[in-house]
C-alpha atoms as a PDB file:
ATOM      1  CA  MET A   1       6.634   7.084  11.627  1.00  0.00           C
ATOM      2  CA  ASN A   2       9.843   7.104  13.169  1.00  0.00           C
ATOM      3  CA  GLU A   3       8.773   3.990  15.477  1.00  0.00           C
ATOM      4  CA  ASN A   4       8.253   1.803  12.297  1.00  0.00           C
ATOM      5  CA  LEU A   5      11.799   2.646  10.631  1.00  0.00           C
ATOM      6  CA  GLN A   6      14.030   1.749  13.649  1.00  0.00           C
ATOM      7  CA  PRO A   7      13.622  -1.712  13.359  1.00  0.00           C
ATOM      8  CA  LEU A   8      14.725  -1.354   9.798  1.00  0.00           C
ATOM      9  CA  GLU A   9      17.640   0.627  10.181  1.00  0.00           C
ATOM     10  CA  GLU A  10      18.509  -1.612  13.117  1.00  0.00           C
ATOM     11  CA  LYS A  11      18.520  -4.540  10.446  1.00  0.00           C
ATOM     12  CA  ILE A  12      20.084  -2.075   8.009  1.00  0.00           C
ATOM     13  CA  ALA A  13      23.267  -1.816  10.506  1.00  0.00           C
ATOM     14  CA  TYR A  14      23.345  -5.257  11.581  1.00  0.00           C
ATOM     15  CA  LEU A  15      23.348  -6.579   7.901  1.00  0.00           C
ATOM     16  CA  GLU A  16      25.888  -4.067   6.770  1.00  0.00           C
ATOM     17  CA  ARG A  17      28.382  -4.761  10.030  1.00  0.00           C
ATOM     18  CA  HIS A  18      27.747  -8.849   9.145  1.00  0.00           C
ATOM     19  CA  VAL A  19      28.835  -8.094   5.321  1.00  0.00           C
ATOM     20  CA  THR A  20      31.679  -6.112   6.096  1.00  0.00           C
ATOM     21  CA  GLU A  21      32.840  -9.163   8.851  1.00  0.00           C
ATOM     22  CA  GLN A  22      31.996 -11.688   5.788  1.00  0.00           C
ATOM     23  CA  ASP A  23      34.362 -10.002   3.423  1.00  0.00           C
ATOM     24  CA  LYS A  24      36.770 -10.082   5.962  1.00  0.00           C
ATOM     25  CA  VAL A  25      37.238 -13.810   5.894  1.00  0.00           C
ATOM     26  CA  MET A  26      36.694 -14.048   2.293  1.00  0.00           C
ATOM     27  CA  LEU A  27      39.486 -11.536   1.729  1.00  0.00           C
ATOM     28  CA  GLU A  28      41.637 -14.031   4.045  1.00  0.00           C
ATOM     29  CA  PHE A  29      40.738 -17.702   2.413  1.00  0.00           C
ATOM     30  CA  ALA A  30      41.832 -15.841  -1.235  1.00  0.00           C
ATOM     31  CA  ASP A  31      45.278 -14.984   0.591  1.00  0.00           C
ATOM     32  CA  GLU A  32      45.394 -18.517   2.305  1.00  0.00           C
ATOM     33  CA  LEU A  33      43.816 -20.042  -1.124  1.00  0.00           C
ATOM     34  CA  LYS A  34      47.039 -18.055  -3.007  1.00  0.00           C
ATOM     35  CA  SER A  35      49.595 -19.740  -0.690  1.00  0.00           C
ATOM     36  CA  LEU A  36      48.472 -22.861  -0.459  1.00  0.00           C
ATOM     37  CA  ARG A  37      48.754 -23.123  -4.560  1.00  0.00           C
ATOM     38  CA  ARG A  38      52.043 -20.922  -4.349  1.00  0.00           C
ATOM     39  CA  GLU A  39      52.915 -24.086  -2.128  1.00  0.00           C
ATOM     40  CA  LEU A  40      51.843 -26.585  -3.872  1.00  0.00           C
ATOM     41  CA  LYS A  41      53.413 -25.376  -7.143  1.00  0.00           C
ATOM     42  CA  ALA A  42      56.741 -25.727  -5.529  1.00  0.00           C
ATOM     43  CA  MET A  43      55.879 -28.876  -3.739  1.00  0.00           C
ATOM     44  CA  ARG A  44      55.145 -30.329  -7.848  1.00  0.00           C
ATOM     45  CA  GLU A  45      58.306 -28.648  -9.059  1.00  0.00           C
ATOM     46  CA  ARG A  46      60.394 -30.308  -6.363  1.00  0.00           C
ATOM     47  CA  SER A  47      58.988 -33.244  -6.950  1.00  0.00           C
ATOM     48  CA  ASN A  48      59.814 -33.152 -11.131  1.00  0.00           C
ATOM     49  CA  ASP A  49      62.996 -31.997 -10.183  1.00  0.00           C
ATOM     50  CA  SER A  50      63.936 -35.367  -7.645  1.00  0.00           C
ATOM     51  CA  GLY A  51      63.479 -37.668 -10.781  1.00  0.00           C
ATOM     52  CA  HIS A  52      59.881 -39.291  -9.489  1.00  0.00           C
ATOM     53  CA  GLY A  53      58.202 -37.259 -12.087  1.00  0.00           C
ATOM     54  CA  GLY A  54      55.058 -37.653 -10.097  1.00  0.00           C
ATOM     55  CA  SER A  55      53.678 -39.989 -12.046  1.00  0.00           C
ATOM     56  CA  VAL A  56      50.281 -41.870 -11.808  1.00  0.00           C
ATOM     57  CA  GLU A  57      51.285 -45.165 -13.244  1.00  0.00           C
ATOM     58  CA  GLU A  58      52.526 -47.448 -10.679  1.00  0.00           C
ATOM     59  CA  SER A  59      50.931 -46.205  -7.263  1.00  0.00           C
ATOM     60  CA  PRO A  60      52.937 -47.405  -4.084  1.00  0.00           C
ATOM     61  CA  ALA A  61      50.606 -49.942  -3.201  1.00  0.00           C
ATOM     62  CA  ASP A  62      50.708 -51.269  -6.575  1.00  0.00           C
ATOM     63  CA  THR A  63      54.542 -52.061  -5.950  1.00  0.00           C
ATOM     64  CA  ARG A  64      56.087 -55.277  -4.400  1.00  0.00           C
ATOM     65  CA  PRO A  65      58.291 -54.655  -1.703  1.00  0.00           C
ATOM     66  CA  PRO A  66      62.297 -55.179  -2.139  1.00  0.00           C
ATOM     67  CA  HIS A  67      62.140 -58.612  -0.778  1.00  0.00           C
ATOM     68  CA  TYR A  68      60.360 -60.190  -2.655  1.00  0.00           C
END
């Protein structure tokens, strides 16, 4: 009976290690996402403070260059 359980125990050990590694990666991703959200918020605030307002009404492709 012990011979039948050994492969299952090995699979369980492998899967437990795999889940632990995935948890670690997910926590790293969550930290990076949090950091990127803070950075994006700061960039938006700087953009708003500089007077650009970040409006979507007129894109750079639609504006005419100053020499026209």
